[in-house]
């Protein structure tokens, strides 16, 4: 971020997207280090959004709540996985959002995921 943000500030802005997991929002047993890191990244995204948003830089945090369909591999229940192309489309929509309605946090999960 230290190398990228100055270039964004010197131009027309840009978009920074942090990728999180469910453990970004609530801790998980047996994953103290991972949870702490993901909580930290989420907090950094929110702080950066508050600081850089007025400067024209959109900062968002995306929670990936589920497994991602592996490329070129058949899985038993594909409906339980997120499609990588659908994830990419969601990220691109964040990049293309109008400045009047920026998203700070987006949760992506398969329709069958229990949450």
Protein backbone atom coordinates (compact mmCIF):
# COMPACT_ATOMS: atom_id res chain seq x y z
CA UNK A 1 0.00 0.00 0.00
CA UNK A 2 2.85 2.36 0.76
CA UNK A 3 4.06 2.08 -2.83
CA UNK A 4 0.64 2.09 -4.52
CA UNK A 5 -1.42 4.70 -2.70
CA UNK A 6 0.82 7.66 -3.63
CA UNK A 7 0.33 6.82 -7.32
CA UNK A 8 -3.44 6.64 -6.79
CA UNK A 9 -3.40 9.98 -5.00
CA UNK A 10 -1.46 11.54 -7.88
CA UNK A 11 -3.97 10.24 -10.43
CA UNK A 12 -7.75 9.88 -10.42
CA UNK A 13 -7.82 7.60 -7.38
CA UNK A 14 -8.27 3.86 -7.49
CA UNK A 15 -9.59 0.86 -5.63
CA UNK A 16 -7.98 -1.27 -2.93
CA UNK A 17 -9.67 -4.55 -2.06
CA UNK A 18 -8.77 -6.65 0.97
CA UNK A 19 -9.82 -10.30 0.88
CA UNK A 20 -11.00 -11.69 4.18
CA UNK A 21 -12.73 -14.79 5.43
CA UNK A 22 -15.55 -15.52 7.84
CA UNK A 23 -12.98 -15.40 10.62
CA UNK A 24 -12.49 -11.69 9.79
CA UNK A 25 -15.84 -11.09 11.45
CA UNK A 26 -15.96 -13.76 14.15
CA UNK A 27 -13.17 -15.81 15.61
CA UNK A 28 -12.84 -19.50 14.99
CA UNK A 29 -11.72 -22.21 17.40
CA UNK A 30 -8.24 -23.47 16.63
CA UNK A 31 -7.37 -20.51 14.40
CA UNK A 32 -6.24 -17.80 16.79
CA UNK A 33 -3.40 -16.53 14.60
CA UNK A 34 -5.44 -16.63 11.39
CA UNK A 35 -8.40 -14.93 13.08
CA UNK A 36 -6.19 -12.20 14.53
CA UNK A 37 -4.59 -11.54 11.15
CA UNK A 38 -7.94 -11.39 9.36
CA UNK A 39 -9.44 -9.14 12.05
CA UNK A 40 -6.41 -6.88 11.62
CA UNK A 41 -6.78 -6.71 7.84
CA UNK A 42 -10.46 -5.86 8.20
CA UNK A 43 -9.63 -3.07 10.64
CA UNK A 44 -6.93 -1.76 8.32
CA UNK A 45 -9.40 -1.73 5.42
CA UNK A 46 -11.92 0.26 7.44
CA UNK A 47 -9.30 2.74 8.65
CA UNK A 48 -7.90 3.18 5.16
CA UNK A 49 -11.42 3.67 3.75
CA UNK A 50 -12.04 6.50 6.21
CA UNK A 51 -8.68 8.11 5.49
CA UNK A 52 -8.45 7.60 1.74
CA UNK A 53 -12.11 7.74 0.66
CA UNK A 54 -12.21 11.55 0.73
CA UNK A 55 -9.08 11.47 -1.45
CA UNK A 56 -10.85 9.42 -4.14
CA UNK A 57 -9.54 5.97 -3.23
CA UNK A 58 -12.16 3.29 -2.71
CA UNK A 59 -11.13 0.74 -0.06
CA UNK A 60 -13.27 -2.36 0.40
CA UNK A 61 -13.10 -5.58 2.39
CA UNK A 62 -14.57 -8.76 0.89
CA UNK A 63 -15.47 -11.72 3.08
CA UNK A 64 -15.17 -15.01 1.21
CA UNK A 65 -17.50 -17.27 3.18
CA UNK A 66 -16.99 -20.70 1.66
CA UNK A 67 -14.72 -22.78 -0.49
CA UNK A 68 -13.71 -21.66 -3.97
CA UNK A 69 -14.30 -24.08 -6.85
CA UNK A 70 -10.89 -25.45 -7.84
CA UNK A 71 -9.97 -24.84 -11.49
CA UNK A 72 -10.24 -27.79 -13.85
CA UNK A 73 -11.34 -30.13 -11.08
CA UNK A 74 -14.69 -31.79 -10.60
CA UNK A 75 -16.10 -31.68 -7.09
CA UNK A 76 -18.95 -33.71 -5.64
CA UNK A 77 -21.25 -30.77 -4.76
CA UNK A 78 -20.33 -27.78 -6.94
CA UNK A 79 -23.22 -25.70 -5.56
CA UNK A 80 -21.39 -25.57 -2.22
CA UNK A 81 -18.46 -23.67 -3.78
CA UNK A 82 -18.02 -20.10 -4.95
CA UNK A 83 -17.34 -19.76 -8.67
CA UNK A 84 -14.01 -17.92 -9.20
CA UNK A 85 -15.48 -16.02 -12.17
CA UNK A 86 -18.41 -14.85 -10.03
CA UNK A 87 -15.96 -13.67 -7.36
CA UNK A 88 -14.00 -11.76 -10.02
CA UNK A 89 -17.23 -10.16 -11.28
CA UNK A 90 -18.05 -9.00 -7.74
CA UNK A 91 -14.58 -7.52 -7.33
CA UNK A 92 -14.88 -5.73 -10.67
CA UNK A 93 -18.23 -4.24 -9.60
CA UNK A 94 -16.43 -2.75 -6.60
CA UNK A 95 -13.88 -1.16 -8.92
CA UNK A 96 -16.64 0.27 -11.14
CA UNK A 97 -18.86 1.62 -8.34
CA UNK A 98 -19.96 5.22 -8.43
CA UNK A 99 -18.26 7.33 -5.75
CA UNK A 100 -21.64 8.32 -4.36
CA UNK A 101 -22.30 4.74 -3.17
CA UNK A 102 -19.09 2.91 -2.35
CA UNK A 103 -19.22 -0.46 -0.58
CA UNK A 104 -16.98 -0.90 2.46
CA UNK A 105 -17.71 -4.58 3.12
CA UNK A 106 -19.11 -7.31 0.90
CA UNK A 107 -19.85 -10.91 1.92
CA UNK A 108 -19.73 -13.56 -0.80
CA UNK A 109 -21.05 -17.04 -0.13
CA UNK A 110 -22.71 -19.88 -2.07
CA UNK A 111 -26.50 -19.86 -1.81
CA UNK A 112 -26.42 -23.07 0.26
CA UNK A 113 -23.90 -21.77 2.84
CA UNK A 114 -25.30 -21.64 6.38
CA UNK A 115 -24.37 -18.46 8.20
